[in-house]
Protein backbone atom coordinates (compact mmCIF):
# COMPACT_ATOMS: atom_id res chain seq x y z
CA MET A 1 -40.07 12.30 19.79
CA ARG A 2 -37.20 14.73 19.77
CA LEU A 3 -35.20 16.11 16.85
CA LEU A 4 -33.09 18.37 16.46
CA HIS A 5 -33.34 20.19 13.18
CA THR A 6 -29.91 21.94 11.82
CA SER A 7 -28.52 22.55 8.06
CA ASP A 8 -26.05 24.60 6.29
CA TRP A 9 -22.97 23.60 8.01
CA HIS A 10 -20.62 23.69 4.82
CA LEU A 11 -17.92 21.23 6.31
CA GLY A 12 -14.47 22.45 4.31
CA GLN A 13 -15.28 26.11 3.95
CA SER A 14 -12.24 28.46 3.34
CA PHE A 15 -13.69 31.83 4.49
CA MET A 16 -11.05 34.11 2.35
CA ASN A 17 -8.63 31.32 2.80
CA HIS A 18 -9.04 30.63 5.93
CA SER A 19 -10.07 27.38 7.31
CA ARG A 20 -13.37 26.98 9.77
CA GLU A 21 -11.72 23.17 10.96
CA ARG A 22 -11.80 24.33 14.40
CA GLU A 23 -15.44 26.10 14.56
CA HIS A 24 -16.59 22.84 13.18
CA THR A 25 -14.87 20.82 15.75
CA ALA A 26 -15.96 22.96 18.46
CA LEU A 27 -19.85 22.50 17.02
CA ILE A 28 -19.51 18.94 17.13
CA ASP A 29 -18.58 18.78 20.64
CA TRP A 30 -21.18 20.99 21.53
CA LEU A 31 -23.79 19.29 19.56
CA LEU A 32 -22.79 16.17 20.89
CA GLU A 33 -23.08 17.62 24.46
CA GLN A 34 -26.56 18.65 23.40
CA VAL A 35 -27.68 15.17 22.25
CA GLN A 36 -27.38 13.91 25.70
CA VAL A 37 -28.50 16.74 27.89
CA GLN A 38 -31.75 17.48 25.84
CA GLN A 39 -32.01 13.53 25.21
CA VAL A 40 -32.44 13.53 21.72
CA ASP A 41 -33.80 11.19 19.55
CA ALA A 42 -32.61 12.14 16.00
CA VAL A 43 -30.39 14.76 14.24
CA LEU A 44 -31.60 16.04 10.95
CA ILE A 45 -29.32 17.97 8.64
CA ALA A 46 -31.18 19.91 5.96
CA GLY A 47 -29.02 20.25 3.19
CA ASP A 48 -25.38 21.85 2.57
CA ILE A 49 -23.46 19.52 4.61
CA PHE A 50 -20.03 20.16 2.86
CA ASP A 51 -19.57 23.58 1.16
CA THR A 52 -18.23 22.23 -2.05
CA GLY A 53 -18.40 18.81 -4.15
CA THR A 54 -14.75 18.03 -3.30
CA PRO A 55 -14.72 18.89 0.26
CA PRO A 56 -11.47 18.49 1.54
CA SER A 57 -10.07 15.38 3.89
CA TYR A 58 -10.39 17.06 6.86
CA ALA A 59 -13.88 18.00 6.23
CA ARG A 60 -14.90 14.54 5.35
CA ALA A 61 -13.20 13.23 8.58
CA LEU A 62 -15.32 15.77 10.84
CA TYR A 63 -18.11 14.13 8.77
CA TYR A 64 -17.50 10.71 9.73
CA ARG A 65 -16.75 11.74 13.13
CA LEU A 66 -20.26 12.96 13.64
CA ILE A 67 -21.86 9.72 12.09
CA ALA A 68 -19.76 7.72 14.42
CA GLU A 69 -20.44 9.68 17.54
CA LEU A 70 -24.07 9.58 17.10
CA HIS A 71 -24.04 5.93 16.47
CA ARG A 72 -22.22 5.25 19.46
CA LEU A 73 -25.25 7.45 21.53
CA ASN A 74 -27.39 5.39 19.91
CA VAL A 75 -28.90 8.50 18.10
CA ALA A 76 -30.40 8.01 14.20
CA LEU A 77 -28.93 10.93 11.67
CA LEU A 78 -30.79 11.99 8.74
CA LEU A 79 -28.62 13.55 5.96
CA LEU A 80 -30.13 15.61 3.02
CA GLY A 81 -28.01 16.85 -0.26
CA GLY A 82 -27.97 20.77 -0.83
CA ASN A 83 -26.93 22.60 -3.73
CA HIS A 84 -23.41 22.68 -2.39
CA ASP A 85 -23.39 19.15 -2.22
CA SER A 86 -22.19 16.56 -4.34
CA VAL A 87 -24.71 13.40 -4.77
CA SER A 88 -21.65 11.04 -5.70
CA VAL A 89 -19.89 12.30 -2.31
CA LEU A 90 -22.90 11.79 -0.28
CA GLY A 91 -23.44 8.43 -2.08
CA GLU A 92 -20.32 6.85 -0.91
CA SER A 93 -20.88 4.04 1.52
CA LEU A 94 -24.58 3.99 1.88
CA PRO A 95 -24.53 0.42 3.16
CA LEU A 96 -22.09 1.02 5.68
CA LEU A 97 -23.86 4.38 7.12
CA GLN A 98 -27.06 2.40 7.27
CA HIS A 99 -25.75 0.38 9.93
CA LEU A 100 -24.76 3.14 11.56
CA GLN A 101 -27.87 4.43 12.17
CA THR A 102 -27.64 7.17 9.33
CA THR A 103 -29.63 7.59 6.23
CA VAL A 104 -28.45 9.89 3.36
CA ILE A 105 -30.79 11.37 0.75
CA ALA A 106 -28.67 12.90 -1.95
CA SER A 107 -30.82 13.66 -4.60
CA THR A 108 -34.18 13.02 -5.92
CA GLY A 109 -36.02 9.75 -6.87
CA SER A 110 -39.22 7.94 -6.39
CA ALA A 111 -41.67 8.71 -3.62
CA ALA A 112 -40.64 5.66 -1.75
CA GLN A 113 -37.09 6.42 -1.69
CA HIS A 114 -37.81 9.64 0.18
CA LEU A 115 -40.00 7.95 3.13
CA VAL A 116 -37.53 7.65 6.37
CA THR A 117 -39.05 6.37 9.49
CA LEU A 118 -37.02 7.99 12.49
CA PRO A 119 -36.64 5.74 15.90
CA GLN A 120 -37.36 6.82 19.25
CA ARG A 121 -33.77 6.48 20.76
CA ALA A 122 -34.69 4.59 24.09
CA SER A 123 -37.31 1.95 22.87
CA GLY A 124 -36.15 2.11 19.20
CA GLN A 125 -39.79 2.10 18.36
CA PRO A 126 -40.86 4.40 15.36
CA GLY A 127 -41.22 8.62 16.59
CA CYS A 128 -41.94 10.03 13.45
CA ILE A 129 -42.19 9.81 9.33
CA VAL A 130 -39.89 11.70 7.23
CA CYS A 131 -40.68 13.15 3.72
CA ALA A 132 -37.01 13.49 3.27
CA LEU A 133 -36.91 16.01 0.19
CA PRO A 134 -32.98 16.96 -0.57
CA PHE A 135 -32.25 19.94 -2.88
CA ILE A 136 -34.22 19.31 -5.85
CA ARG A 137 -32.46 19.80 -9.12
CA PRO A 138 -34.60 21.02 -12.09
CA ARG A 139 -33.27 18.16 -14.22
CA ASP A 140 -34.44 15.63 -11.75
CA VAL A 141 -38.33 16.33 -11.99
CA LEU A 142 -38.80 18.60 -15.30
CA HIS A 143 -38.11 18.03 -18.82
CA SER A 144 -37.54 20.81 -21.35
CA GLN A 145 -40.16 21.88 -23.61
CA ALA A 146 -39.49 24.04 -27.20
CA GLY A 147 -40.82 27.18 -26.99
CA GLN A 148 -41.03 27.92 -23.07
CA SER A 149 -40.77 31.16 -21.92
CA ALA A 150 -38.79 32.15 -18.80
CA GLN A 151 -42.17 32.26 -16.91
CA ASP A 152 -43.19 29.22 -18.35
CA LYS A 153 -40.14 27.34 -16.96
CA GLN A 154 -40.84 28.99 -13.58
CA ARG A 155 -44.40 27.92 -13.28
CA SER A 156 -43.19 24.50 -14.83
CA LEU A 157 -40.50 23.98 -12.10
CA GLN A 158 -42.62 24.92 -9.11
CA ALA A 159 -45.54 22.90 -10.10
CA ALA A 160 -43.06 20.01 -10.76
CA ILE A 161 -41.63 20.43 -7.14
CA GLN A 162 -44.95 20.89 -5.75
CA ASP A 163 -45.85 17.52 -7.12
CA THR A 164 -42.86 15.98 -6.03
CA TYR A 165 -43.77 16.99 -2.37
CA ALA A 166 -47.50 15.92 -2.89
CA GLN A 167 -46.51 12.29 -3.75
CA VAL A 168 -44.13 11.70 -1.33
CA TYR A 169 -46.31 13.26 1.30
CA ALA A 170 -49.29 10.92 0.01
CA ALA A 171 -46.70 7.73 0.57
CA ALA A 172 -46.24 9.15 3.83
CA GLN A 173 -49.75 9.55 4.80
CA ALA A 174 -50.65 5.64 3.89
CA GLN A 175 -47.84 4.57 6.08
CA GLN A 176 -49.20 6.36 9.05
CA ALA A 177 -52.35 4.97 8.47
CA ALA A 178 -51.11 1.69 8.07
CA HIS A 179 -49.05 2.38 11.53
CA LEU A 180 -51.97 3.45 13.49
CA GLN A 181 -54.47 0.86 12.56
CA ALA A 182 -51.51 -2.24 13.41
CA HIS A 183 -50.60 -0.11 16.44
CA GLY A 184 -53.31 2.55 17.54
CA VAL A 185 -50.47 5.40 17.39
CA ARG A 186 -50.23 8.46 15.33
CA LEU A 187 -46.93 9.00 13.97
CA PRO A 188 -45.99 12.60 13.29
CA ILE A 189 -45.06 13.71 9.80
CA VAL A 190 -42.19 15.63 9.16
CA ALA A 191 -41.08 17.22 5.61
CA THR A 192 -38.04 18.53 4.90
CA GLY A 193 -36.44 20.93 1.98
CA HIS A 194 -33.52 22.82 0.65
CA LEU A 195 -34.59 25.82 -1.10
CA THR A 196 -35.62 29.30 -0.54
CA THR A 197 -39.38 30.14 0.48
CA VAL A 198 -41.39 33.14 -0.21
CA GLY A 199 -41.01 35.51 2.42
CA ALA A 200 -37.57 34.31 3.66
CA SER A 201 -34.81 36.55 4.56
CA SER A 202 -31.92 35.99 3.09
CA ASN A 203 -28.21 36.81 3.54
CA GLU A 204 -25.40 37.67 0.94
CA SER A 205 -23.36 34.41 1.59
CA VAL A 206 -26.36 32.28 0.42
CA ARG A 207 -26.07 31.60 -3.33
CA GLU A 208 -29.16 31.81 -5.86
CA ILE A 209 -30.32 27.95 -6.74
CA TYR A 210 -32.64 28.44 -9.33
CA VAL A 211 -31.27 31.07 -11.04
CA GLY A 212 -33.47 32.18 -14.06
CA ALA A 213 -36.10 29.37 -13.04
CA LEU A 214 -37.53 29.67 -9.81
CA GLU A 215 -37.46 32.52 -7.45
CA ALA A 216 -39.29 31.22 -4.50
CA PHE A 217 -41.21 28.38 -3.60
CA PRO A 218 -44.80 29.00 -2.16
CA THR A 219 -45.49 28.39 1.73
CA THR A 220 -48.82 27.24 0.54
CA ALA A 221 -47.56 24.84 -2.03
CA PHE A 222 -45.86 22.55 0.86
CA PRO A 223 -47.71 19.57 1.98
CA PRO A 224 -49.69 19.89 5.54
CA ALA A 225 -47.14 18.06 7.66
CA ASP A 226 -46.61 18.61 11.01
CA TYR A 227 -43.33 20.40 11.02
CA ILE A 228 -41.41 21.14 7.82
CA ALA A 229 -37.33 21.48 8.56
CA LEU A 230 -35.84 23.80 6.06
CA GLY A 231 -32.33 24.36 4.97
CA HIS A 232 -30.31 27.14 2.21
CA ILE A 233 -31.47 29.93 3.94
CA HIS A 234 -28.45 30.87 6.29
CA LYS A 235 -30.53 33.33 9.10
CA PRO A 236 -32.81 31.29 11.46
CA GLN A 237 -36.68 32.20 11.18
CA LYS A 238 -40.15 31.27 11.16
CA VAL A 239 -41.44 31.16 7.17
CA GLY A 240 -44.27 33.43 6.61
CA GLY A 241 -44.73 33.67 10.93
CA LEU A 242 -45.86 30.00 10.55
CA GLU A 243 -44.53 27.94 14.01
CA HIS A 244 -44.40 24.94 11.87
CA ILE A 245 -42.50 26.09 8.76
CA ARG A 246 -38.72 26.96 10.01
CA TYR A 247 -35.33 27.60 8.61
CA SER A 248 -32.83 26.34 11.36
CA GLY A 249 -30.03 28.35 9.48
CA SER A 250 -26.53 27.77 9.40
CA PRO A 251 -24.82 27.42 13.25
CA ILE A 252 -21.72 29.28 12.61
CA ALA A 253 -21.51 32.59 10.68
CA LEU A 254 -20.63 31.85 6.85
CA GLY A 255 -20.18 35.77 6.23
CA PHE A 256 -19.79 39.50 7.99
CA ASP A 257 -23.43 39.69 7.15
CA GLU A 258 -24.23 37.01 9.54
CA ALA A 259 -21.96 37.90 12.47
CA ARG A 260 -24.80 39.66 14.59
CA GLN A 261 -27.01 36.71 14.26
CA THR A 262 -27.57 34.34 16.92
CA LYS A 263 -26.67 31.26 15.21
CA GLU A 264 -28.95 27.69 16.61
CA VAL A 265 -30.08 24.85 16.33
CA LEU A 266 -33.60 23.65 16.60
CA LEU A 267 -35.16 21.34 19.68
CA VAL A 268 -38.48 20.10 17.42
CA GLU A 269 -40.47 18.26 20.17
CA LEU A 270 -43.18 15.72 18.32
CA GLY A 271 -46.30 13.65 19.88
CA ALA A 272 -49.19 12.13 18.18
CA ASP A 273 -50.77 15.35 18.09
CA GLY A 274 -48.17 16.70 15.84
CA LEU A 275 -46.15 19.51 16.69
CA SER A 276 -45.51 19.98 20.69
CA SER A 277 -42.68 22.91 20.74
CA VAL A 278 -40.06 23.98 18.58
CA THR A 279 -37.04 25.28 21.15
CA PRO A 280 -33.87 27.31 19.62
CA LEU A 281 -30.57 26.24 21.22
CA PRO A 282 -28.14 29.01 20.44
CA THR A 283 -24.75 27.63 19.76
CA PRO A 284 -21.26 29.08 20.76
CA VAL A 285 -18.79 31.22 18.89
CA CYS A 286 -15.83 29.92 18.66
CA GLN A 287 -14.25 32.57 16.18
CA ALA A 288 -15.68 36.13 16.32
CA LEU A 289 -16.20 37.99 12.76
CA VAL A 290 -16.71 41.61 13.16
CA SER A 291 -16.81 44.60 10.94
CA ALA A 292 -15.82 48.32 11.62
CA SER A 293 -17.07 51.50 9.34
CA GLY A 294 -15.54 55.23 9.40
CA ASN A 295 -12.68 57.41 8.11
CA LEU A 296 -9.01 57.04 9.13
CA ALA A 297 -9.70 59.62 11.78
CA SER A 298 -12.31 57.70 13.51
CA LEU A 299 -11.28 53.97 12.54
CA PRO A 300 -8.70 53.56 15.57
CA ALA A 301 -11.21 54.27 18.34
CA THR A 302 -13.57 51.84 16.60
CA LEU A 303 -11.23 49.14 16.09
CA SER A 304 -9.68 49.12 20.10
CA ALA A 305 -13.30 48.67 20.92
CA LEU A 306 -13.61 45.90 18.52
CA ALA A 307 -10.59 44.11 20.10
CA ALA A 308 -11.86 43.16 22.75
CA GLN A 309 -13.70 40.16 20.74
CA GLY A 310 -10.66 38.53 19.93
CA THR A 311 -7.81 37.13 21.48
CA ALA A 312 -3.67 36.64 21.05
CA GLU A 313 -4.28 33.14 20.37
CA HIS A 314 -7.57 33.70 18.22
CA PRO A 315 -7.89 36.90 16.53
CA ALA A 316 -11.00 38.75 15.60
CA TRP A 317 -11.64 38.38 11.65
CA LEU A 318 -12.24 41.99 10.44
CA GLU A 319 -13.57 43.51 7.74
CA VAL A 320 -13.18 47.11 7.32
CA THR A 321 -15.34 49.71 5.23
CA VAL A 322 -13.46 53.17 4.63
CA GLN A 323 -15.60 56.16 4.15
CA ASP A 324 -14.61 59.32 2.90
CA ASP A 325 -10.95 58.58 2.59
CA ASP A 326 -11.84 56.03 0.44
CA TYR A 327 -10.00 57.49 -2.66
CA LEU A 328 -6.70 57.00 -1.30
CA PRO A 329 -4.59 53.91 -3.11
CA ASP A 330 -2.97 52.34 0.25
CA LEU A 331 -6.01 51.81 2.39
CA ALA A 332 -4.75 48.18 2.91
CA PRO A 333 -1.32 49.17 4.47
CA ARG A 334 -2.94 51.48 6.51
CA ILE A 335 -5.66 49.67 8.39
CA GLU A 336 -2.98 46.96 9.04
CA ALA A 337 -0.77 49.41 10.76
CA MET A 338 -3.93 50.24 12.66
CA VAL A 339 -4.60 46.67 14.10
CA GLN A 340 -0.70 45.83 14.52
CA ASP A 341 -1.30 45.67 18.44
CA LEU A 342 -4.48 44.32 18.29
CA PRO A 343 -5.99 41.07 18.22
CA LEU A 344 -7.60 41.53 15.19
CA GLU A 345 -6.89 40.18 11.78
CA VAL A 346 -7.83 41.95 8.75
CA LEU A 347 -9.41 39.85 6.03
CA ARG A 348 -10.98 42.40 3.90
CA VAL A 349 -11.08 46.48 3.17
CA LYS A 350 -13.74 47.74 1.12
CA ARG A 351 -14.47 51.44 -0.20
CA GLN A 352 -17.98 53.09 0.56
CA ARG A 353 -18.10 53.29 -3.05
CA GLY A 354 -18.30 49.44 -3.46
CA THR A 355 -14.83 48.56 -4.45
CA VAL A 356 -12.52 46.20 -2.45
CA THR A 357 -8.75 47.33 -1.85
CA PRO A 358 -6.89 44.43 -3.97
CA GLY A 359 -4.09 42.89 -1.86
CA LEU A 360 -3.63 39.87 0.82
CA TRP A 361 -6.99 40.85 2.46
CA ALA A 362 -8.96 40.79 -0.95
CA GLU A 363 -11.72 38.44 -0.82
CA ASP A 364 -11.08 35.05 -2.85
CA ALA A 365 -14.05 36.52 -4.88
CA ALA A 366 -11.54 35.66 -7.61
CA SER A 367 -12.16 31.75 -7.40
CA LEU A 368 -14.66 31.05 -9.52
CA HIS A 369 -15.84 27.89 -7.67
CA GLU A 370 -16.94 30.55 -4.88
CA LEU A 371 -18.97 32.25 -7.71
CA SER A 372 -22.64 31.30 -9.14
CA PRO A 373 -22.24 31.93 -13.41
CA ARG A 374 -24.69 34.75 -12.32
CA GLU A 375 -22.54 36.48 -10.30
CA VAL A 376 -19.40 35.74 -12.92
CA PHE A 377 -21.98 37.70 -15.54
CA ALA A 378 -23.00 40.46 -13.01
CA ARG A 379 -19.26 41.34 -12.18
CA ARG A 380 -17.93 41.04 -15.79
CA LEU A 381 -20.76 43.24 -16.48
CA ALA A 382 -20.07 45.93 -14.04
CA GLN A 383 -16.82 46.40 -15.74
CA GLU A 384 -18.29 48.22 -18.47
CA THR A 385 -19.99 51.48 -19.26
CA LEU A 386 -23.18 50.83 -21.05
CA PRO A 387 -26.79 52.45 -21.24
CA ALA A 388 -29.15 51.19 -18.91
CA GLU A 389 -31.63 50.21 -21.26
CA LEU A 390 -28.53 48.10 -22.88
CA GLU A 391 -27.47 46.50 -19.57
CA ALA A 392 -31.07 45.39 -18.71
CA ALA A 393 -31.63 43.99 -22.07
CA LEU A 394 -28.31 41.89 -21.69
CA CYS A 395 -29.43 40.97 -18.17
CA ALA A 396 -32.70 39.46 -19.64
CA ARG A 397 -31.26 37.87 -22.18
CA TYR A 398 -28.46 35.94 -19.99
CA ASP A 399 -31.32 34.83 -17.53
CA SER A 400 -33.26 33.67 -20.07
CA LEU A 401 -30.29 31.31 -21.56
CA LEU A 402 -29.17 30.04 -18.24
CA ALA A 403 -33.21 29.36 -17.84
CA THR A 404 -32.96 27.30 -20.71
CA LEU A 405 -29.89 25.55 -19.78
CA HIS A 406 -30.81 24.80 -16.37
CA ALA A 407 -34.31 23.35 -17.69
CA GLY A 408 -33.14 21.41 -20.36
CA GLY A 409 -30.22 19.72 -18.33
CA ALA A 410 -31.65 16.18 -18.41
CA ALA A 411 -32.70 16.49 -22.30
């Protein structure tokens, strides 16, 4: 059984007011080619298929194109909801998608609802059993209790998520045993998840999803599946150094801090004895993201060197951090003059001391849908001059209130 594990596509992302449509179109073309070359049986996307709960029309078109093309190739597709995804949007047209060999799990339900059998492409016979768990919202597994502290809420949420995994895995084991008895073949078990695990390395473009309630899910709390396909963290990595627990990472860079990462999808080979191999398949770079830092004297040479990564048709997107001269009020026009004849497009100018030059290239941080409530609070607090003790107390009080709201969402 050959499974292609990917996640965090963020279709419809507006990157500082720039569309990623061209990049995602190229990604789909490349993935369809790899499905053929690598003889893939099924594709699994572990959450954050869309960037927002109201994706633009072109993002939906790309989504349905992927579904239709994989169906044409007789390749099964399993889609899991992430914290960016809308349950209702992913829930559209489910009966139709089932006829197109596509299974969508948008939210948490009964254990039986999360059991998905993925077929082998050539024979149509079962290839593996998937404990298909999406992003688990606290309100779906937890009921608030009066008098709980923030620590109690965190422990309760972790226990509830662990229990959800245990129930689904037990159901998968029962199905595995029944298939073994009937056909004499052991089906490997794959588990999925869209969450932060202990020890995972994150990026600035990854939003916290259990603010004030769950910092990270322990690796030991996962069931002993043959392979665990995770999403949410954009950097590809093994979890705790374990070969069978993996973040595939996002297939394109979703922020300047990700630009130097080698983006990839994972080709997972499974057999009757479990996991055989995991092979990273590097994804092509369609749009260059580059960063430069220095003072106004050194930047021209740096920018000239970076120009090789862009073309006249598709300039490289540029972030500049100005050092030493960051007190000047007209940094943005100065930087724009430096790149005037280069295949570079300035998207963001930052000052070394932490402020961002306002103007056309300022990050669209004022767009509330791009910020978590905690980020909005932190940015507002940063505008005040307060004693450290008072600032810490306000942060603790805010986190406690936010945790209560998250845990009490279903009450």
